Amino acid sequence: MEITLRPSTADDLDWLLELRADVMRDDLTRLGVYDEVRVRQRMRDAYDPACTRVIVVDGRDVGSIAVRPTEEARWIEHFYLARALQGRRVGEHVLRSVLAEPGAAPFRLNVLVGSAARRLYERHGFVLDTEDAVDVFMTRRDP
């Protein structure tokens, strides 16, 4: 399986909105907060092609990951992978690649409470910062 990242463009937004809605539906429903419009609008409002890369597997666009730099951290956001490829180490490969990129600021992210993705982040050195009824905020400082 060939896994690569390509720069995102404004043209990617529509299919990424649908990917996000599909990937997050089960967890958001379990938490009682799934909303067909809001799940898309939150990404539409925050989408920045300059910070986003598309995950490509064997020539097919199958996901996304964004790294948004701030003064305090590099935020990993919009990390979505088509369901058919989840559990096949694609996300791990992508996360390792992003974490290996140079930079002084720590990585931060948030994941939904109860999401299986949290285990992936913990395996890669992320630790709990804060947690509420929906979100878990985590930080990884460079080793």
N, C-alpha and C. Protein backbone atom coordinates (compact mmCIF):
# COMPACT_ATOMS: atom_id res chain seq x y z
N MET A 1 0.85 -1.17 0.00
CA MET A 1 0.00 0.00 0.00
C MET A 1 0.90 1.24 0.00
N GLU A 2 0.70 2.12 -0.97
CA GLU A 2 1.46 3.35 -1.05
C GLU A 2 0.66 4.48 -0.41
N ILE A 3 1.25 5.10 0.62
CA ILE A 3 0.58 6.18 1.36
C ILE A 3 1.39 7.45 1.16
N THR A 4 0.73 8.49 0.65
CA THR A 4 1.38 9.77 0.46
C THR A 4 0.46 10.89 0.94
N LEU A 5 1.02 12.07 1.06
CA LEU A 5 0.25 13.27 1.40
C LEU A 5 0.44 14.27 0.27
N ARG A 6 -0.64 14.92 -0.11
CA ARG A 6 -0.54 15.98 -1.11
C ARG A 6 -1.16 17.25 -0.53
N PRO A 7 -0.73 18.41 -1.04
CA PRO A 7 -1.35 19.65 -0.57
C PRO A 7 -2.85 19.65 -0.89
N SER A 8 -3.62 20.20 0.00
CA SER A 8 -5.05 20.33 -0.22
C SER A 8 -5.32 21.61 -1.02
N THR A 9 -6.46 21.62 -1.68
CA THR A 9 -6.90 22.82 -2.40
C THR A 9 -8.34 23.14 -1.97
N ALA A 10 -8.81 24.30 -2.37
CA ALA A 10 -10.19 24.67 -2.06
C ALA A 10 -11.17 23.68 -2.68
N ASP A 11 -10.79 23.05 -3.78
CA ASP A 11 -11.66 22.07 -4.44
C ASP A 11 -11.89 20.80 -3.63
N ASP A 12 -11.07 20.56 -2.62
CA ASP A 12 -11.22 19.37 -1.80
C ASP A 12 -12.31 19.51 -0.74
N LEU A 13 -12.73 20.72 -0.46
CA LEU A 13 -13.62 20.94 0.68
C LEU A 13 -14.89 20.10 0.65
N ASP A 14 -15.59 20.05 -0.47
CA ASP A 14 -16.89 19.36 -0.49
C ASP A 14 -16.78 17.89 -0.12
N TRP A 15 -15.82 17.16 -0.69
CA TRP A 15 -15.74 15.74 -0.36
C TRP A 15 -15.20 15.54 1.06
N LEU A 16 -14.37 16.47 1.53
CA LEU A 16 -13.88 16.37 2.91
C LEU A 16 -15.01 16.61 3.91
N LEU A 17 -15.94 17.48 3.59
CA LEU A 17 -17.10 17.69 4.48
C LEU A 17 -17.89 16.39 4.63
N GLU A 18 -18.09 15.69 3.53
CA GLU A 18 -18.84 14.43 3.57
C GLU A 18 -18.05 13.34 4.30
N LEU A 19 -16.74 13.32 4.09
CA LEU A 19 -15.90 12.36 4.81
C LEU A 19 -15.99 12.61 6.31
N ARG A 20 -15.87 13.86 6.73
CA ARG A 20 -15.95 14.21 8.16
C ARG A 20 -17.29 13.76 8.74
N ALA A 21 -18.37 14.06 8.06
CA ALA A 21 -19.69 13.69 8.56
C ALA A 21 -19.80 12.18 8.72
N ASP A 22 -19.29 11.43 7.76
CA ASP A 22 -19.35 9.97 7.83
C ASP A 22 -18.48 9.42 8.96
N VAL A 23 -17.26 9.89 9.04
CA VAL A 23 -16.31 9.36 10.02
C VAL A 23 -16.72 9.70 11.46
N MET A 24 -17.30 10.86 11.67
CA MET A 24 -17.62 11.30 13.03
C MET A 24 -19.03 10.92 13.49
N ARG A 25 -19.85 10.46 12.56
CA ARG A 25 -21.27 10.21 12.88
C ARG A 25 -21.46 9.30 14.10
N ASP A 26 -20.81 8.15 14.14
CA ASP A 26 -21.03 7.21 15.24
C ASP A 26 -20.64 7.79 16.60
N ASP A 27 -19.47 8.40 16.68
CA ASP A 27 -19.02 8.96 17.96
C ASP A 27 -19.89 10.13 18.39
N LEU A 28 -20.22 11.02 17.46
CA LEU A 28 -21.07 12.17 17.82
C LEU A 28 -22.47 11.72 18.21
N THR A 29 -22.99 10.70 17.55
CA THR A 29 -24.31 10.16 17.91
C THR A 29 -24.26 9.54 19.30
N ARG A 30 -23.20 8.76 19.57
CA ARG A 30 -23.03 8.14 20.89
C ARG A 30 -23.00 9.20 21.99
N LEU A 31 -22.40 10.35 21.69
CA LEU A 31 -22.30 11.44 22.67
C LEU A 31 -23.56 12.32 22.70
N GLY A 32 -24.50 12.04 21.79
CA GLY A 32 -25.75 12.80 21.76
C GLY A 32 -25.63 14.18 21.16
N VAL A 33 -24.61 14.41 20.31
CA VAL A 33 -24.41 15.75 19.77
C VAL A 33 -24.33 15.78 18.24
N TYR A 34 -24.70 14.67 17.56
CA TYR A 34 -24.60 14.68 16.11
C TYR A 34 -25.66 15.59 15.51
N ASP A 35 -25.22 16.44 14.60
CA ASP A 35 -26.11 17.35 13.89
C ASP A 35 -25.63 17.39 12.44
N GLU A 36 -26.49 16.99 11.50
CA GLU A 36 -26.13 16.88 10.08
C GLU A 36 -25.53 18.17 9.52
N VAL A 37 -26.03 19.31 9.93
CA VAL A 37 -25.55 20.60 9.42
C VAL A 37 -24.28 21.02 10.15
N ARG A 38 -24.31 20.96 11.46
CA ARG A 38 -23.19 21.45 12.26
C ARG A 38 -21.90 20.67 12.00
N VAL A 39 -21.99 19.35 11.78
CA VAL A 39 -20.80 18.54 11.56
C VAL A 39 -20.05 19.01 10.32
N ARG A 40 -20.76 19.49 9.34
CA ARG A 40 -20.13 20.01 8.13
C ARG A 40 -19.71 21.47 8.29
N GLN A 41 -20.56 22.25 8.95
CA GLN A 41 -20.30 23.68 9.09
C GLN A 41 -19.04 23.96 9.91
N ARG A 42 -18.80 23.16 10.93
CA ARG A 42 -17.60 23.40 11.76
C ARG A 42 -16.33 23.25 10.93
N MET A 43 -16.30 22.27 10.04
CA MET A 43 -15.11 22.12 9.19
C MET A 43 -15.08 23.21 8.12
N ARG A 44 -16.24 23.53 7.56
CA ARG A 44 -16.29 24.58 6.54
C ARG A 44 -15.74 25.89 7.12
N ASP A 45 -16.10 26.21 8.36
CA ASP A 45 -15.65 27.46 8.99
C ASP A 45 -14.15 27.47 9.26
N ALA A 46 -13.57 26.31 9.55
CA ALA A 46 -12.16 26.24 9.95
C ALA A 46 -11.22 25.78 8.84
N TYR A 47 -11.74 25.34 7.72
CA TYR A 47 -10.92 24.76 6.67
C TYR A 47 -9.92 25.77 6.11
N ASP A 48 -8.67 25.39 6.11
CA ASP A 48 -7.60 26.22 5.56
C ASP A 48 -6.74 25.31 4.69
N PRO A 49 -6.90 25.39 3.37
CA PRO A 49 -6.13 24.52 2.48
C PRO A 49 -4.62 24.65 2.69
N ALA A 50 -4.15 25.80 3.11
CA ALA A 50 -2.71 26.01 3.30
C ALA A 50 -2.15 25.15 4.44
N CYS A 51 -2.99 24.76 5.39
CA CYS A 51 -2.56 23.94 6.54
C CYS A 51 -2.95 22.48 6.38
N THR A 52 -3.69 22.16 5.34
CA THR A 52 -4.29 20.84 5.19
C THR A 52 -3.61 20.04 4.09
N ARG A 53 -3.44 18.75 4.36
CA ARG A 53 -2.95 17.83 3.34
C ARG A 53 -3.96 16.70 3.17
N VAL A 54 -4.02 16.20 1.98
CA VAL A 54 -4.91 15.09 1.65
C VAL A 54 -4.11 13.80 1.72
N ILE A 55 -4.69 12.81 2.38
CA ILE A 55 -4.08 11.48 2.47
C ILE A 55 -4.46 10.72 1.21
N VAL A 56 -3.43 10.20 0.53
CA VAL A 56 -3.63 9.47 -0.72
C VAL A 56 -3.10 8.05 -0.52
N VAL A 57 -3.94 7.07 -0.80
CA VAL A 57 -3.53 5.66 -0.70
C VAL A 57 -3.73 5.02 -2.07
N ASP A 58 -2.64 4.50 -2.60
CA ASP A 58 -2.66 3.86 -3.91
C ASP A 58 -3.34 4.73 -4.96
N GLY A 59 -3.02 6.03 -4.92
CA GLY A 59 -3.53 6.97 -5.92
C GLY A 59 -4.92 7.52 -5.67
N ARG A 60 -5.57 7.10 -4.57
CA ARG A 60 -6.93 7.57 -4.25
C ARG A 60 -6.91 8.50 -3.04
N ASP A 61 -7.62 9.61 -3.13
CA ASP A 61 -7.78 10.53 -2.00
C ASP A 61 -8.71 9.87 -0.98
N VAL A 62 -8.20 9.67 0.25
CA VAL A 62 -8.97 8.92 1.24
C VAL A 62 -9.06 9.59 2.60
N GLY A 63 -8.46 10.77 2.76
CA GLY A 63 -8.52 11.40 4.06
C GLY A 63 -7.82 12.74 4.08
N SER A 64 -7.69 13.28 5.29
CA SER A 64 -7.04 14.58 5.44
C SER A 64 -6.38 14.68 6.82
N ILE A 65 -5.43 15.60 6.89
CA ILE A 65 -4.83 15.99 8.16
C ILE A 65 -4.38 17.44 8.01
N ALA A 66 -4.64 18.23 9.02
CA ALA A 66 -4.21 19.63 9.01
C ALA A 66 -3.29 19.85 10.21
N VAL A 67 -2.31 20.69 10.03
CA VAL A 67 -1.45 21.13 11.13
C VAL A 67 -1.48 22.65 11.11
N ARG A 68 -2.11 23.21 12.13
CA ARG A 68 -2.28 24.67 12.24
C ARG A 68 -1.33 25.21 13.30
N PRO A 69 -0.34 25.98 12.89
CA PRO A 69 0.60 26.51 13.87
C PRO A 69 0.03 27.72 14.61
N THR A 70 0.30 27.77 15.91
CA THR A 70 0.03 28.94 16.73
C THR A 70 1.32 29.26 17.47
N GLU A 71 1.33 30.31 18.25
CA GLU A 71 2.54 30.65 19.01
C GLU A 71 2.89 29.57 20.02
N GLU A 72 1.88 28.91 20.59
CA GLU A 72 2.11 27.95 21.66
C GLU A 72 2.20 26.50 21.20
N ALA A 73 1.64 26.18 20.04
CA ALA A 73 1.53 24.77 19.66
C ALA A 73 1.33 24.61 18.15
N ARG A 74 1.47 23.37 17.72
CA ARG A 74 1.08 22.97 16.36
C ARG A 74 -0.15 22.07 16.54
N TRP A 75 -1.30 22.57 16.14
CA TRP A 75 -2.56 21.85 16.34
C TRP A 75 -2.82 20.88 15.19
N ILE A 76 -2.98 19.62 15.52
CA ILE A 76 -3.39 18.62 14.54
C ILE A 76 -4.91 18.64 14.51
N GLU A 77 -5.44 18.91 13.32
CA GLU A 77 -6.88 19.05 13.16
C GLU A 77 -7.33 18.32 11.90
N HIS A 78 -8.60 18.09 11.78
CA HIS A 78 -9.21 17.50 10.58
C HIS A 78 -8.47 16.26 10.10
N PHE A 79 -8.17 15.39 11.05
CA PHE A 79 -7.49 14.13 10.74
C PHE A 79 -8.57 13.08 10.56
N TYR A 80 -8.96 12.85 9.30
CA TYR A 80 -10.03 11.93 8.97
C TYR A 80 -9.53 10.94 7.93
N LEU A 81 -9.97 9.72 8.06
CA LEU A 81 -9.58 8.65 7.14
C LEU A 81 -10.83 7.84 6.81
N ALA A 82 -11.01 7.55 5.53
CA ALA A 82 -12.17 6.76 5.10
C ALA A 82 -12.28 5.49 5.93
N ARG A 83 -13.48 5.14 6.30
CA ARG A 83 -13.72 3.98 7.18
C ARG A 83 -13.06 2.71 6.66
N ALA A 84 -13.08 2.51 5.35
CA ALA A 84 -12.54 1.27 4.76
C ALA A 84 -11.05 1.10 5.04
N LEU A 85 -10.36 2.20 5.36
CA LEU A 85 -8.91 2.13 5.61
C LEU A 85 -8.55 2.24 7.08
N GLN A 86 -9.53 2.46 7.93
CA GLN A 86 -9.25 2.54 9.35
C GLN A 86 -8.84 1.17 9.86
N GLY A 87 -7.89 1.16 10.80
CA GLY A 87 -7.41 -0.09 11.36
C GLY A 87 -6.39 -0.80 10.49
N ARG A 88 -5.92 -0.14 9.44
CA ARG A 88 -4.94 -0.76 8.54
C ARG A 88 -3.59 -0.04 8.60
N ARG A 89 -3.37 0.74 9.67
CA ARG A 89 -2.11 1.43 9.95
C ARG A 89 -1.83 2.64 9.05
N VAL A 90 -2.82 3.05 8.28
CA VAL A 90 -2.66 4.24 7.44
C VAL A 90 -2.56 5.48 8.33
N GLY A 91 -3.47 5.60 9.29
CA GLY A 91 -3.45 6.74 10.21
C GLY A 91 -2.15 6.81 10.99
N GLU A 92 -1.67 5.67 11.42
CA GLU A 92 -0.39 5.63 12.15
C GLU A 92 0.75 6.13 11.28
N HIS A 93 0.79 5.69 10.03
CA HIS A 93 1.83 6.13 9.09
C HIS A 93 1.77 7.65 8.91
N VAL A 94 0.58 8.18 8.70
CA VAL A 94 0.40 9.62 8.49
C VAL A 94 0.80 10.39 9.74
N LEU A 95 0.34 9.94 10.91
CA LEU A 95 0.67 10.63 12.15
C LEU A 95 2.17 10.64 12.40
N ARG A 96 2.83 9.50 12.20
CA ARG A 96 4.28 9.45 12.37
C ARG A 96 4.99 10.45 11.45
N SER A 97 4.53 10.54 10.22
CA SER A 97 5.13 11.48 9.26
C SER A 97 4.99 12.92 9.73
N VAL A 98 3.81 13.27 10.20
CA VAL A 98 3.56 14.64 10.67
C VAL A 98 4.38 14.94 11.93
N LEU A 99 4.42 13.99 12.85
CA LEU A 99 5.17 14.21 14.09
C LEU A 99 6.66 14.33 13.85
N ALA A 100 7.16 13.79 12.76
CA ALA A 100 8.59 13.85 12.44
C ALA A 100 8.99 15.18 11.80
N GLU A 101 8.04 16.00 11.45
CA GLU A 101 8.36 17.28 10.83
C GLU A 101 9.00 18.22 11.85
N PRO A 102 9.99 19.00 11.43
CA PRO A 102 10.69 19.87 12.37
C PRO A 102 9.80 20.99 12.90
N GLY A 103 10.09 21.39 14.11
CA GLY A 103 9.37 22.48 14.75
C GLY A 103 9.61 22.45 16.24
N ALA A 104 9.59 23.62 16.85
CA ALA A 104 9.88 23.70 18.28
C ALA A 104 8.63 23.58 19.15
N ALA A 105 7.50 23.97 18.63
CA ALA A 105 6.27 23.98 19.44
C ALA A 105 5.74 22.55 19.60
N PRO A 106 5.15 22.27 20.76
CA PRO A 106 4.55 20.94 20.96
C PRO A 106 3.31 20.76 20.06
N PHE A 107 2.96 19.51 19.83
CA PHE A 107 1.73 19.20 19.10
C PHE A 107 0.58 19.12 20.09
N ARG A 108 -0.57 19.63 19.67
CA ARG A 108 -1.80 19.52 20.46
C ARG A 108 -2.91 19.05 19.55
N LEU A 109 -3.93 18.47 20.16
CA LEU A 109 -5.10 18.04 19.40
C LEU A 109 -6.25 17.81 20.35
N ASN A 110 -7.42 17.64 19.79
CA ASN A 110 -8.53 17.16 20.61
C ASN A 110 -9.20 16.02 19.87
N VAL A 111 -9.72 15.10 20.66
CA VAL A 111 -10.38 13.91 20.16
C VAL A 111 -11.67 13.76 20.96
N LEU A 112 -12.66 13.14 20.37
CA LEU A 112 -13.93 12.95 21.08
C LEU A 112 -13.79 11.93 22.20
N VAL A 113 -14.48 12.17 23.29
CA VAL A 113 -14.51 11.23 24.40
C VAL A 113 -14.95 9.86 23.88
N GLY A 114 -14.20 8.84 24.23
CA GLY A 114 -14.54 7.47 23.83
C GLY A 114 -14.12 7.07 22.44
N SER A 115 -13.48 7.97 21.70
CA SER A 115 -13.06 7.65 20.34
C SER A 115 -11.88 6.69 20.35
N ALA A 116 -11.90 5.72 19.44
CA ALA A 116 -10.79 4.78 19.31
C ALA A 116 -9.51 5.49 18.90
N ALA A 117 -9.62 6.66 18.27
CA ALA A 117 -8.43 7.41 17.84
C ALA A 117 -7.56 7.82 19.02
N ARG A 118 -8.14 7.93 20.20
CA ARG A 118 -7.35 8.33 21.36
C ARG A 118 -6.20 7.35 21.61
N ARG A 119 -6.43 6.07 21.42
CA ARG A 119 -5.36 5.08 21.62
C ARG A 119 -4.21 5.31 20.66
N LEU A 120 -4.50 5.67 19.42
CA LEU A 120 -3.46 5.99 18.45
C LEU A 120 -2.61 7.14 18.97
N TYR A 121 -3.24 8.18 19.44
CA TYR A 121 -2.50 9.35 19.94
C TYR A 121 -1.68 9.01 21.17
N GLU A 122 -2.24 8.24 22.07
CA GLU A 122 -1.49 7.85 23.28
C GLU A 122 -0.27 7.01 22.91
N ARG A 123 -0.39 6.13 21.94
CA ARG A 123 0.77 5.32 21.50
C ARG A 123 1.88 6.19 20.93
N HIS A 124 1.54 7.38 20.49
CA HIS A 124 2.52 8.29 19.91
C HIS A 124 2.89 9.43 20.85
N GLY A 125 2.68 9.22 22.13
CA GLY A 125 3.20 10.15 23.13
C GLY A 125 2.30 11.29 23.55
N PHE A 126 1.06 11.31 23.11
CA PHE A 126 0.14 12.36 23.55
C PHE A 126 -0.37 12.02 24.94
N VAL A 127 -0.48 13.05 25.78
CA VAL A 127 -0.99 12.88 27.14
C VAL A 127 -2.16 13.83 27.35
N LEU A 128 -3.02 13.45 28.28
CA LEU A 128 -4.22 14.22 28.60
C LEU A 128 -3.87 15.58 29.16
N ASP A 129 -4.53 16.61 28.63
CA ASP A 129 -4.49 17.95 29.22
C ASP A 129 -5.77 18.19 30.01
N THR A 130 -6.88 18.20 29.29
CA THR A 130 -8.19 18.41 29.92
C THR A 130 -9.22 17.58 29.18
N GLU A 131 -10.34 17.38 29.84
CA GLU A 131 -11.43 16.61 29.26
C GLU A 131 -12.74 17.18 29.73
N ASP A 132 -13.72 17.23 28.82
CA ASP A 132 -15.07 17.61 29.22
C ASP A 132 -16.03 16.51 28.75
N ALA A 133 -17.29 16.80 28.68
CA ALA A 133 -18.27 15.76 28.33
C ALA A 133 -18.15 15.28 26.88
N VAL A 134 -17.50 16.06 26.02
CA VAL A 134 -17.41 15.72 24.59
C VAL A 134 -15.97 15.59 24.11
N ASP A 135 -15.10 16.49 24.54
CA ASP A 135 -13.75 16.58 23.99
C ASP A 135 -12.66 16.21 25.00
N VAL A 136 -11.61 15.59 24.47
CA VAL A 136 -10.39 15.30 25.23
C VAL A 136 -9.28 16.08 24.54
N PHE A 137 -8.60 16.95 25.28
CA PHE A 137 -7.50 17.74 24.74
C PHE A 137 -6.19 17.08 25.19
N MET A 138 -5.28 16.94 24.22
CA MET A 138 -4.03 16.21 24.48
C MET A 138 -2.84 16.98 23.91
N THR A 139 -1.67 16.76 24.51
CA THR A 139 -0.43 17.41 24.08
C THR A 139 0.66 16.37 23.95
N ARG A 140 1.53 16.59 22.98
CA ARG A 140 2.74 15.78 22.82
C ARG A 140 3.92 16.72 22.70
N ARG A 141 4.82 16.60 23.62
CA ARG A 141 6.05 17.38 23.55
C ARG A 141 7.09 16.54 22.86
N ASP A 142 7.93 17.17 22.07
CA ASP A 142 8.98 16.40 21.39
C ASP A 142 9.84 15.69 22.39
N PRO A 143 10.12 14.39 22.14
CA PRO A 143 10.92 13.60 23.09
C PRO A 143 12.35 14.10 23.17
